Amino acid sequence: MSRRLIVPAVVLGASAGVASYAVRGLLARQAAVARRLIGKPLGEQAPHADRVWKRAYGDPLDLLLLGDSIAAGLGAERRKDTLGGRLSKGLAKHLQRGVRLRTAAVVGAESSTLGAQLDTLPRGYRADVAVVVVGGNDVTHRVPVAEAAGHLAEAVARLRAQGTEVVVGTCPDLGALRPVPQPLRRLGSLASRQLARAQEEAAVQAGAHAVSLAEVVGPFFVTDPDAMFSLDRFHPSALGYRRTAEALLPSLLTAVGEHDRVPHGHRLPRLHSTRASAKHEAGSLLMRVPDIPGPGS
């Protein structure tokens, strides 16, 4: 996510028709204060984590990360603590095979740049599974929800067309950002949750697994912000990335065929859900049909 945070234009759009000129001025001043408090202590470059993780296991699975600074791992001090590093180690442990990580995510990216990130991949490259985390900058830059969700759906469709499984971590709850004062923080929370809902629906319709980061991992950031956020109090810390990776991992394992069910806060692709339901119904039917006696019974 971008450190430009919730700019006055976002607030003006979110509060149009209900806030007075004086209130809009207050929100604009609050946004300016928040930007000064956050600053840019982390710079613009996340640790480079692309490599084969747990190479000794062999038979590496290809994992691709797309999206913004969270997907890139800004805020982590070591590559093993980035989101990509954490996911790679988690997958390798569960699958007992190596994981070849490639990160195309860009700090400050919006959903509209996902296509360009895919364009940077080498010709012929195809990941086994891709993780997309994006949306914060769409909220802070006042991108219409339908437009942002549409760009996400297009990226998912491109990946699915080439046989890549996709897991989307929906927009985090910007209400967890303590440097942002009220009521600006509340408006940011409402806007980010609205986008997250649209992303979830767009993702599952396009064939991706969706994980509500606000629901699954968001409470950790609210209750323990000092540990979960990095130096800028805006991007995750090493612990924040560990929790985020743990939140995404169940859907990743389902996407690669290790499980067929996911916990609360996760949604299966629409087609996958239909097939799973049919499989469950067929299994229930078989359980209800009495055994057919064989010869000599």
C-alpha atoms as a PDB file:
ATOM      1  CA  MET A   1       0.000   0.000   0.000  1.00  0.00           C
ATOM      2  CA  SER A   2       1.122   3.560  -0.640  1.00  0.00           C
ATOM      3  CA  ARG A   3       2.193   5.810   2.231  1.00  0.00           C
ATOM      4  CA  ARG A   4       0.268   8.676   0.641  1.00  0.00           C
ATOM      5  CA  LEU A   5      -2.549   7.154   2.670  1.00  0.00           C
ATOM      6  CA  ILE A   6      -6.116   8.433   2.626  1.00  0.00           C
ATOM      7  CA  VAL A   7      -5.793  11.675   0.718  1.00  0.00           C
ATOM      8  CA  PRO A   8      -8.333  14.464   1.008  1.00  0.00           C
ATOM      9  CA  ALA A   9      -9.899  13.535  -2.315  1.00  0.00           C
ATOM     10  CA  VAL A  10     -10.795  10.086  -0.951  1.00  0.00           C
ATOM     11  CA  VAL A  11     -12.538  11.603   1.998  1.00  0.00           C
ATOM     12  CA  LEU A  12     -14.363  14.157  -0.112  1.00  0.00           C
ATOM     13  CA  GLY A  13     -15.660  11.365  -2.319  1.00  0.00           C
ATOM     14  CA  ALA A  14     -16.647   9.159   0.618  1.00  0.00           C
ATOM     15  CA  SER A  15     -18.422  11.940   2.456  1.00  0.00           C
ATOM     16  CA  ALA A  16     -20.042  13.749  -0.491  1.00  0.00           C
ATOM     17  CA  GLY A  17     -23.547  14.904   0.307  1.00  0.00           C
ATOM     18  CA  VAL A  18     -23.286  14.246   4.045  1.00  0.00           C
ATOM     19  CA  ALA A  19     -20.378  16.342   5.287  1.00  0.00           C
ATOM     20  CA  SER A  20     -20.185  20.100   5.490  1.00  0.00           C
ATOM     21  CA  TYR A  21     -17.351  22.195   4.085  1.00  0.00           C
ATOM     22  CA  ALA A  22     -15.945  22.576   7.603  1.00  0.00           C
ATOM     23  CA  VAL A  23     -15.903  18.815   8.157  1.00  0.00           C
ATOM     24  CA  ARG A  24     -14.227  18.223   4.808  1.00  0.00           C
ATOM     25  CA  GLY A  25     -11.557  20.727   5.770  1.00  0.00           C
ATOM     26  CA  LEU A  26     -10.998  18.899   9.058  1.00  0.00           C
ATOM     27  CA  LEU A  27     -10.609  15.575   7.256  1.00  0.00           C
ATOM     28  CA  ALA A  28      -8.173  17.100   4.792  1.00  0.00           C
ATOM     29  CA  ARG A  29      -6.030  18.381   7.659  1.00  0.00           C
ATOM     30  CA  GLN A  30      -6.162  14.986   9.334  1.00  0.00           C
ATOM     31  CA  ALA A  31      -4.926  13.306   6.150  1.00  0.00           C
ATOM     32  CA  ALA A  32      -1.998  15.702   5.968  1.00  0.00           C
ATOM     33  CA  VAL A  33      -1.107  14.995   9.596  1.00  0.00           C
ATOM     34  CA  ALA A  34      -1.285  11.223   8.996  1.00  0.00           C
ATOM     35  CA  ARG A  35       1.042  11.462   6.009  1.00  0.00           C
ATOM     36  CA  ARG A  36       3.598  13.379   8.076  1.00  0.00           C
ATOM     37  CA  LEU A  37       3.398  10.887  10.925  1.00  0.00           C
ATOM     38  CA  ILE A  38       3.897   7.881   8.655  1.00  0.00           C
ATOM     39  CA  GLY A  39       6.591   9.338   6.400  1.00  0.00           C
ATOM     40  CA  LYS A  40       8.821   6.979   4.412  1.00  0.00           C
ATOM     41  CA  PRO A  41      11.165   5.342   6.927  1.00  0.00           C
ATOM     42  CA  LEU A  42      11.151   2.062   4.955  1.00  0.00           C
ATOM     43  CA  GLY A  43      12.047   3.548   1.593  1.00  0.00           C
ATOM     44  CA  GLU A  44      10.521   2.093  -1.563  1.00  0.00           C
ATOM     45  CA  GLN A  45      12.295  -1.266  -1.893  1.00  0.00           C
ATOM     46  CA  ALA A  46      11.231  -4.508  -0.223  1.00  0.00           C
ATOM     47  CA  PRO A  47      13.785  -7.280   0.494  1.00  0.00           C
ATOM     48  CA  HIS A  48      14.473  -9.448  -2.556  1.00  0.00           C
ATOM     49  CA  ALA A  49      13.064 -12.870  -1.693  1.00  0.00           C
ATOM     50  CA  ASP A  50      12.914 -14.585  -5.096  1.00  0.00           C
ATOM     51  CA  ARG A  51      14.681 -17.933  -4.964  1.00  0.00           C
ATOM     52  CA  VAL A  52      13.911 -21.629  -4.568  1.00  0.00           C
ATOM     53  CA  TRP A  53      12.891 -22.149  -0.962  1.00  0.00           C
ATOM     54  CA  LYS A  54      13.657 -25.565   0.611  1.00  0.00           C
ATOM     55  CA  ARG A  55      15.530 -26.621  -2.507  1.00  0.00           C
ATOM     56  CA  ALA A  56      16.524 -29.893  -0.866  1.00  0.00           C
ATOM     57  CA  TYR A  57      12.925 -31.111  -1.091  1.00  0.00           C
ATOM     58  CA  GLY A  58      13.178 -31.008  -4.894  1.00  0.00           C
ATOM     59  CA  ASP A  59      10.361 -30.828  -7.483  1.00  0.00           C
ATOM     60  CA  PRO A  60       9.756 -27.098  -6.925  1.00  0.00           C
ATOM     61  CA  LEU A  61       6.284 -25.619  -7.178  1.00  0.00           C
ATOM     62  CA  ASP A  62       6.159 -22.183  -8.857  1.00  0.00           C
ATOM     63  CA  LEU A  63       4.610 -19.448  -6.695  1.00  0.00           C
ATOM     64  CA  LEU A  64       3.904 -15.970  -8.089  1.00  0.00           C
ATOM     65  CA  LEU A  65       3.122 -12.860  -6.035  1.00  0.00           C
ATOM     66  CA  LEU A  66       1.251  -9.918  -7.561  1.00  0.00           C
ATOM     67  CA  GLY A  67      -0.079  -6.698  -6.093  1.00  0.00           C
ATOM     68  CA  ASP A  68       1.166  -3.859  -3.919  1.00  0.00           C
ATOM     69  CA  SER A  69       3.720  -3.347  -1.154  1.00  0.00           C
ATOM     70  CA  ILE A  70       2.186  -6.003   1.082  1.00  0.00           C
ATOM     71  CA  ALA A  71       2.622  -8.612  -1.643  1.00  0.00           C
ATOM     72  CA  ALA A  72       6.137  -7.265  -2.223  1.00  0.00           C
ATOM     73  CA  GLY A  73       6.987  -7.524   1.489  1.00  0.00           C
ATOM     74  CA  LEU A  74       7.778  -3.898   2.350  1.00  0.00           C
ATOM     75  CA  GLY A  75       8.256  -3.626   6.098  1.00  0.00           C
ATOM     76  CA  ALA A  76      10.103  -6.914   6.525  1.00  0.00           C
ATOM     77  CA  GLU A  77      13.818  -6.612   7.278  1.00  0.00           C
ATOM     78  CA  ARG A  78      14.782 -10.091   6.039  1.00  0.00           C
ATOM     79  CA  ARG A  79      13.662 -11.925   2.920  1.00  0.00           C
ATOM     80  CA  LYS A  80      12.430 -14.870   4.940  1.00  0.00           C
ATOM     81  CA  ASP A  81      10.026 -12.517   6.723  1.00  0.00           C
ATOM     82  CA  THR A  82       8.405 -11.122   3.564  1.00  0.00           C
ATOM     83  CA  LEU A  83       4.981 -12.415   2.578  1.00  0.00           C
ATOM     84  CA  GLY A  84       6.563 -14.368  -0.277  1.00  0.00           C
ATOM     85  CA  GLY A  85       9.184 -15.886   1.983  1.00  0.00           C
ATOM     86  CA  ARG A  86       6.640 -16.873   4.599  1.00  0.00           C
ATOM     87  CA  LEU A  87       4.255 -18.395   2.057  1.00  0.00           C
ATOM     88  CA  SER A  88       7.080 -20.275   0.351  1.00  0.00           C
ATOM     89  CA  LYS A  89       8.277 -21.816   3.586  1.00  0.00           C
ATOM     90  CA  GLY A  90       4.744 -22.699   4.649  1.00  0.00           C
ATOM     91  CA  LEU A  91       3.919 -24.366   1.338  1.00  0.00           C
ATOM     92  CA  ALA A  92       7.215 -26.233   1.252  1.00  0.00           C
ATOM     93  CA  LYS A  93       6.668 -27.590   4.756  1.00  0.00           C
ATOM     94  CA  HIS A  94       3.160 -28.841   4.024  1.00  0.00           C
ATOM     95  CA  LEU A  95       3.875 -30.177   0.536  1.00  0.00           C
ATOM     96  CA  GLN A  96       7.383 -31.514   1.232  1.00  0.00           C
ATOM     97  CA  ARG A  97       8.605 -29.991  -2.021  1.00  0.00           C
ATOM     98  CA  GLY A  98      10.579 -26.905  -2.945  1.00  0.00           C
ATOM     99  CA  VAL A  99       8.884 -23.616  -3.818  1.00  0.00           C
ATOM    100  CA  ARG A 100      10.259 -21.336  -6.533  1.00  0.00           C
ATOM    101  CA  LEU A 101       9.142 -17.805  -5.674  1.00  0.00           C
ATOM    102  CA  ARG A 102       8.769 -15.016  -8.218  1.00  0.00           C
ATOM    103  CA  THR A 103       7.594 -11.580  -7.072  1.00  0.00           C
ATOM    104  CA  ALA A 104       6.083  -9.219  -9.630  1.00  0.00           C
ATOM    105  CA  ALA A 105       4.325  -7.060  -7.020  1.00  0.00           C
ATOM    106  CA  VAL A 106       5.245  -3.373  -6.978  1.00  0.00           C
ATOM    107  CA  VAL A 107       5.273  -0.955  -4.039  1.00  0.00           C
ATOM    108  CA  GLY A 108       2.484   1.589  -4.502  1.00  0.00           C
ATOM    109  CA  ALA A 109       0.609  -0.480  -7.095  1.00  0.00           C
ATOM    110  CA  GLU A 110      -3.105  -0.184  -7.761  1.00  0.00           C
ATOM    111  CA  SER A 111      -5.349  -2.869  -9.247  1.00  0.00           C
ATOM    112  CA  SER A 112      -5.025  -1.243 -12.669  1.00  0.00           C
ATOM    113  CA  THR A 113      -1.323  -2.210 -12.741  1.00  0.00           C
ATOM    114  CA  LEU A 114      -1.877  -5.957 -12.298  1.00  0.00           C
ATOM    115  CA  GLY A 115      -1.943  -6.469 -16.054  1.00  0.00           C
ATOM    116  CA  ALA A 116       1.378  -4.661 -16.412  1.00  0.00           C
ATOM    117  CA  GLN A 117       2.864  -6.836 -13.669  1.00  0.00           C
ATOM    118  CA  LEU A 118       1.830  -9.918 -15.619  1.00  0.00           C
ATOM    119  CA  ASP A 119       3.387  -8.424 -18.738  1.00  0.00           C
ATOM    120  CA  THR A 120       6.786  -8.269 -16.996  1.00  0.00           C
ATOM    121  CA  LEU A 121       6.928 -12.053 -16.601  1.00  0.00           C
ATOM    122  CA  PRO A 122       9.246 -13.984 -18.919  1.00  0.00           C
ATOM    123  CA  ARG A 123       7.714 -15.431 -22.063  1.00  0.00           C
ATOM    124  CA  GLY A 124       6.460 -18.931 -21.380  1.00  0.00           C
ATOM    125  CA  TYR A 125       6.463 -18.531 -17.589  1.00  0.00           C
ATOM    126  CA  ARG A 126       3.523 -20.193 -15.863  1.00  0.00           C
ATOM    127  CA  ALA A 127       3.130 -20.331 -12.113  1.00  0.00           C
ATOM    128  CA  ASP A 128       1.401 -23.243 -10.420  1.00  0.00           C
ATOM    129  CA  VAL A 129      -0.307 -20.832  -8.048  1.00  0.00           C
ATOM    130  CA  ALA A 130      -0.418 -17.055  -7.732  1.00  0.00           C
ATOM    131  CA  VAL A 131      -1.232 -14.869  -4.734  1.00  0.00           C
ATOM    132  CA  VAL A 132      -2.674 -11.404  -5.301  1.00  0.00           C
ATOM    133  CA  VAL A 133      -2.874  -8.795  -2.547  1.00  0.00           C
ATOM    134  CA  VAL A 134      -3.996  -5.368  -3.720  1.00  0.00           C
ATOM    135  CA  GLY A 135      -6.560  -2.670  -2.974  1.00  0.00           C
ATOM    136  CA  GLY A 136      -5.187  -0.302  -0.349  1.00  0.00           C
ATOM    137  CA  ASN A 137      -3.928   2.160  -2.938  1.00  0.00           C
ATOM    138  CA  ASP A 138      -7.207   1.956  -4.849  1.00  0.00           C
ATOM    139  CA  VAL A 139      -8.941   3.172  -1.692  1.00  0.00           C
ATOM    140  CA  THR A 140      -6.458   5.923  -0.903  1.00  0.00           C
ATOM    141  CA  HIS A 141      -6.434   7.135  -4.512  1.00  0.00           C
ATOM    142  CA  ARG A 142     -10.237   7.113  -4.816  1.00  0.00           C
ATOM    143  CA  VAL A 143     -10.436   4.518  -7.582  1.00  0.00           C
ATOM    144  CA  PRO A 144     -14.090   3.502  -8.132  1.00  0.00           C
ATOM    145  CA  VAL A 145     -14.846   0.149  -6.520  1.00  0.00           C
ATOM    146  CA  ALA A 146     -16.265  -1.403  -9.694  1.00  0.00           C
ATOM    147  CA  GLU A 147     -13.224  -0.305 -11.689  1.00  0.00           C
ATOM    148  CA  ALA A 148     -10.730  -1.725  -9.172  1.00  0.00           C
ATOM    149  CA  ALA A 149     -12.628  -5.013  -8.886  1.00  0.00           C
ATOM    150  CA  GLY A 150     -12.819  -5.230 -12.674  1.00  0.00           C
ATOM    151  CA  HIS A 151      -9.050  -4.944 -13.045  1.00  0.00           C
ATOM    152  CA  LEU A 152      -8.623  -7.685 -10.444  1.00  0.00           C
ATOM    153  CA  ALA A 153     -11.065  -9.960 -12.297  1.00  0.00           C
ATOM    154  CA  GLU A 154      -9.164  -9.410 -15.557  1.00  0.00           C
ATOM    155  CA  ALA A 155      -5.862 -10.397 -13.949  1.00  0.00           C
ATOM    156  CA  VAL A 156      -7.409 -13.493 -12.388  1.00  0.00           C
ATOM    157  CA  ALA A 157      -8.926 -14.479 -15.736  1.00  0.00           C
ATOM    158  CA  ARG A 158      -5.528 -14.181 -17.445  1.00  0.00           C
ATOM    159  CA  LEU A 159      -3.891 -16.385 -14.857  1.00  0.00           C
ATOM    160  CA  ARG A 160      -6.656 -18.971 -14.894  1.00  0.00           C
ATOM    161  CA  ALA A 161      -6.577 -19.107 -18.703  1.00  0.00           C
ATOM    162  CA  GLN A 162      -2.982 -20.335 -18.535  1.00  0.00           C
ATOM    163  CA  GLY A 163      -3.742 -22.908 -15.870  1.00  0.00           C
ATOM    164  CA  THR A 164      -2.518 -21.020 -12.800  1.00  0.00           C
ATOM    165  CA  GLU A 165      -4.488 -21.374  -9.583  1.00  0.00           C
ATOM    166  CA  VAL A 166      -5.114 -18.023  -7.891  1.00  0.00           C
ATOM    167  CA  VAL A 167      -5.596 -16.909  -4.292  1.00  0.00           C
ATOM    168  CA  VAL A 168      -6.705 -13.307  -3.673  1.00  0.00           C
ATOM    169  CA  GLY A 169      -6.154 -11.661  -0.310  1.00  0.00           C
ATOM    170  CA  THR A 170      -8.780  -8.914  -0.293  1.00  0.00           C
ATOM    171  CA  CYS A 171      -8.100  -5.327   0.754  1.00  0.00           C
ATOM    172  CA  PRO A 172      -7.023  -5.030   4.400  1.00  0.00           C
ATOM    173  CA  ASP A 173      -9.098  -2.904   6.773  1.00  0.00           C
ATOM    174  CA  LEU A 174      -7.548   0.577   6.742  1.00  0.00           C
ATOM    175  CA  GLY A 175      -9.329   1.245  10.022  1.00  0.00           C
ATOM    176  CA  ALA A 176      -6.452  -0.567  11.757  1.00  0.00           C
ATOM    177  CA  LEU A 177      -4.044   2.298  10.955  1.00  0.00           C
ATOM    178  CA  ARG A 178      -3.567   4.035  14.298  1.00  0.00           C
ATOM    179  CA  PRO A 179      -1.694   7.096  12.944  1.00  0.00           C
ATOM    180  CA  VAL A 180      -4.875   8.055  11.094  1.00  0.00           C
ATOM    181  CA  PRO A 181      -7.193  10.042  13.388  1.00  0.00           C
ATOM    182  CA  GLN A 182     -10.956   9.736  13.601  1.00  0.00           C
ATOM    183  CA  PRO A 183     -13.250  10.231  11.741  1.00  0.00           C
ATOM    184  CA  LEU A 184     -10.853   9.777   8.816  1.00  0.00           C
ATOM    185  CA  ARG A 185      -9.909   6.290   9.983  1.00  0.00           C
ATOM    186  CA  ARG A 186     -13.555   5.243  10.154  1.00  0.00           C
ATOM    187  CA  LEU A 187     -14.184   6.405   6.597  1.00  0.00           C
ATOM    188  CA  GLY A 188     -11.088   4.549   5.415  1.00  0.00           C
ATOM    189  CA  SER A 189     -12.361   1.417   7.125  1.00  0.00           C
ATOM    190  CA  LEU A 190     -15.749   1.666   5.427  1.00  0.00           C
ATOM    191  CA  ALA A 191     -14.192   2.263   2.000  1.00  0.00           C
ATOM    192  CA  SER A 192     -11.670  -0.588   2.316  1.00  0.00           C
ATOM    193  CA  ARG A 193     -14.316  -3.061   3.470  1.00  0.00           C
ATOM    194  CA  GLN A 194     -16.569  -2.076   0.590  1.00  0.00           C
ATOM    195  CA  LEU A 195     -13.757  -2.740  -1.870  1.00  0.00           C
ATOM    196  CA  ALA A 196     -12.888  -6.027  -0.155  1.00  0.00           C
ATOM    197  CA  ARG A 197     -16.436  -7.301  -0.617  1.00  0.00           C
ATOM    198  CA  ALA A 198     -16.382  -6.392  -4.304  1.00  0.00           C
ATOM    199  CA  GLN A 199     -12.941  -8.004  -4.733  1.00  0.00           C
ATOM    200  CA  GLU A 200     -14.134 -11.210  -3.099  1.00  0.00           C
ATOM    201  CA  GLU A 201     -17.102 -11.546  -5.427  1.00  0.00           C
ATOM    202  CA  ALA A 202     -15.055 -10.633  -8.512  1.00  0.00           C
ATOM    203  CA  ALA A 203     -12.331 -13.114  -7.542  1.00  0.00           C
ATOM    204  CA  VAL A 204     -14.552 -16.144  -6.956  1.00  0.00           C
ATOM    205  CA  GLN A 205     -16.570 -15.419 -10.104  1.00  0.00           C
ATOM    206  CA  ALA A 206     -13.341 -15.316 -12.134  1.00  0.00           C
ATOM    207  CA  GLY A 207     -12.141 -18.618 -10.680  1.00  0.00           C
ATOM    208  CA  ALA A 208      -9.937 -17.556  -7.757  1.00  0.00           C
ATOM    209  CA  HIS A 209      -9.930 -18.453  -4.087  1.00  0.00           C
ATOM    210  CA  ALA A 210     -10.620 -15.408  -1.893  1.00  0.00           C
ATOM    211  CA  VAL A 211      -9.424 -14.700   1.642  1.00  0.00           C
ATOM    212  CA  SER A 212     -10.859 -11.821   3.671  1.00  0.00           C
ATOM    213  CA  LEU A 213      -7.719 -10.379   5.248  1.00  0.00           C
ATOM    214  CA  ALA A 214      -9.798  -7.897   7.241  1.00  0.00           C
ATOM    215  CA  GLU A 215     -11.721 -10.771   8.787  1.00  0.00           C
ATOM    216  CA  VAL A 216      -9.060 -13.444   9.155  1.00  0.00           C
ATOM    217  CA  VAL A 217      -5.970 -11.461  10.124  1.00  0.00           C
ATOM    218  CA  GLY A 218      -7.294  -7.934  10.707  1.00  0.00           C
ATOM    219  CA  PRO A 219      -8.125  -8.448  14.414  1.00  0.00           C
ATOM    220  CA  PHE A 220      -4.445  -9.133  15.182  1.00  0.00           C
ATOM    221  CA  PHE A 221      -3.500  -5.720  13.747  1.00  0.00           C
ATOM    222  CA  VAL A 222      -6.222  -4.026  15.808  1.00  0.00           C
ATOM    223  CA  THR A 223      -5.428  -5.669  19.145  1.00  0.00           C
ATOM    224  CA  ASP A 224      -1.614  -5.697  18.910  1.00  0.00           C
ATOM    225  CA  PRO A 225      -0.562  -2.886  16.547  1.00  0.00           C
ATOM    226  CA  ASP A 226       2.872  -2.377  18.107  1.00  0.00           C
ATOM    227  CA  ALA A 227       3.893  -5.942  17.230  1.00  0.00           C
ATOM    228  CA  MET A 228       1.990  -6.348  13.973  1.00  0.00           C
ATOM    229  CA  PHE A 229       3.072  -3.131  12.238  1.00  0.00           C
ATOM    230  CA  SER A 230       6.583  -2.200  11.143  1.00  0.00           C
ATOM    231  CA  LEU A 231       8.481   1.001  11.815  1.00  0.00           C
ATOM    232  CA  ASP A 232       6.154   3.188   9.738  1.00  0.00           C
ATOM    233  CA  ARG A 233       3.063   1.843  11.580  1.00  0.00           C
ATOM    234  CA  PHE A 234       1.509   1.291   8.165  1.00  0.00           C
ATOM    235  CA  HIS A 235       3.088  -1.853   6.668  1.00  0.00           C
ATOM    236  CA  PRO A 236       3.240  -5.243   8.410  1.00  0.00           C
ATOM    237  CA  SER A 237       6.192  -6.219  10.559  1.00  0.00           C
ATOM    238  CA  ALA A 238       7.816  -9.653  10.425  1.00  0.00           C
ATOM    239  CA  LEU A 239       5.090 -10.893  12.784  1.00  0.00           C
ATOM    240  CA  GLY A 240       2.435  -9.158  10.689  1.00  0.00           C
ATOM    241  CA  TYR A 241       3.628 -10.973   7.581  1.00  0.00           C
ATOM    242  CA  ARG A 242       3.750 -14.274   9.433  1.00  0.00           C
ATOM    243  CA  ARG A 243       0.138 -13.858  10.522  1.00  0.00           C
ATOM    244  CA  THR A 244      -0.900 -12.796   7.017  1.00  0.00           C
ATOM    245  CA  ALA A 245       0.815 -15.808   5.460  1.00  0.00           C
ATOM    246  CA  GLU A 246      -0.861 -18.106   7.972  1.00  0.00           C
ATOM    247  CA  ALA A 247      -4.195 -16.555   7.029  1.00  0.00           C
ATOM    248  CA  LEU A 248      -3.640 -17.200   3.306  1.00  0.00           C
ATOM    249  CA  LEU A 249      -2.119 -20.670   3.585  1.00  0.00           C
ATOM    250  CA  PRO A 250      -5.353 -22.728   3.928  1.00  0.00           C
ATOM    251  CA  SER A 251      -6.649 -21.403   0.607  1.00  0.00           C
ATOM    252  CA  LEU A 252      -3.241 -21.919  -1.008  1.00  0.00           C
ATOM    253  CA  LEU A 253      -3.194 -25.552   0.073  1.00  0.00           C
ATOM    254  CA  THR A 254      -6.735 -25.985  -1.212  1.00  0.00           C
ATOM    255  CA  ALA A 255      -5.793 -24.349  -4.509  1.00  0.00           C
ATOM    256  CA  VAL A 256      -2.956 -26.842  -5.074  1.00  0.00           C
ATOM    257  CA  GLY A 257      -5.185 -29.797  -4.226  1.00  0.00           C
ATOM    258  CA  GLU A 258      -4.172 -30.616  -0.652  1.00  0.00           C
ATOM    259  CA  HIS A 259      -7.623 -29.908   0.824  1.00  0.00           C
ATOM    260  CA  ASP A 260     -11.149 -29.468  -0.475  1.00  0.00           C
ATOM    261  CA  ARG A 261     -12.491 -27.322   2.353  1.00  0.00           C
ATOM    262  CA  VAL A 262     -11.472 -23.953   3.758  1.00  0.00           C
ATOM    263  CA  PRO A 263     -12.081 -22.264   7.128  1.00  0.00           C
ATOM    264  CA  HIS A 264     -14.212 -19.246   7.932  1.00  0.00           C
ATOM    265  CA  GLY A 265     -13.193 -16.099   6.053  1.00  0.00           C
ATOM    266  CA  HIS A 266     -12.127 -18.073   2.956  1.00  0.00           C
ATOM    267  CA  ARG A 267     -14.193 -18.593  -0.201  1.00  0.00           C
ATOM    268  CA  LEU A 268     -13.726 -21.197  -2.888  1.00  0.00           C
ATOM    269  CA  PRO A 269     -13.945 -20.326  -6.588  1.00  0.00           C
ATOM    270  CA  ARG A 270     -17.524 -20.448  -7.816  1.00  0.00           C
ATOM    271  CA  LEU A 271     -16.944 -23.486 -10.068  1.00  0.00           C
ATOM    272  CA  HIS A 272     -14.952 -25.241  -7.339  1.00  0.00           C
ATOM    273  CA  SER A 273     -17.770 -24.625  -4.854  1.00  0.00           C
ATOM    274  CA  THR A 274     -20.330 -26.124  -7.222  1.00  0.00           C
ATOM    275  CA  ARG A 275     -18.219 -29.237  -7.810  1.00  0.00           C
ATOM    276  CA  ALA A 276     -17.466 -29.643  -4.103  1.00  0.00           C
ATOM    277  CA  SER A 277     -21.167 -29.388  -3.275  1.00  0.00           C
ATOM    278  CA  ALA A 278     -22.043 -31.985  -5.912  1.00  0.00           C
ATOM    279  CA  LYS A 279     -19.317 -34.303  -4.618  1.00  0.00           C
ATOM    280  CA  HIS A 280     -20.610 -33.911  -1.056  1.00  0.00           C
ATOM    281  CA  GLU A 281     -24.192 -34.621  -2.145  1.00  0.00           C
ATOM    282  CA  ALA A 282     -23.080 -37.706  -4.087  1.00  0.00           C
ATOM    283  CA  GLY A 283     -21.196 -38.971  -1.059  1.00  0.00           C
ATOM    284  CA  SER A 284     -24.239 -38.426   1.160  1.00  0.00           C
ATOM    285  CA  LEU A 285     -26.439 -40.299  -1.315  1.00  0.00           C
ATOM    286  CA  LEU A 286     -24.092 -43.252  -1.378  1.00  0.00           C
ATOM    287  CA  MET A 287     -24.161 -43.366   2.407  1.00  0.00           C
ATOM    288  CA  ARG A 288     -27.978 -43.482   2.364  1.00  0.00           C
ATOM    289  CA  VAL A 289     -28.245 -46.306  -0.211  1.00  0.00           C
ATOM    290  CA  PRO A 290     -28.230 -49.730   1.508  1.00  0.00           C
ATOM    291  CA  ASP A 291     -25.671 -52.294   0.441  1.00  0.00           C
ATOM    292  CA  ILE A 292     -26.771 -54.495  -2.448  1.00  0.00           C
ATOM    293  CA  PRO A 293     -26.527 -58.105  -1.394  1.00  0.00           C
ATOM    294  CA  GLY A 294     -24.004 -60.094  -3.367  1.00  0.00           C
ATOM    295  CA  PRO A 295     -24.129 -63.697  -4.477  1.00  0.00           C
ATOM    296  CA  GLY A 296     -24.586 -66.063  -1.592  1.00  0.00           C
ATOM    297  CA  SER A 297     -25.766 -63.373   0.853  1.00  0.00           C
END
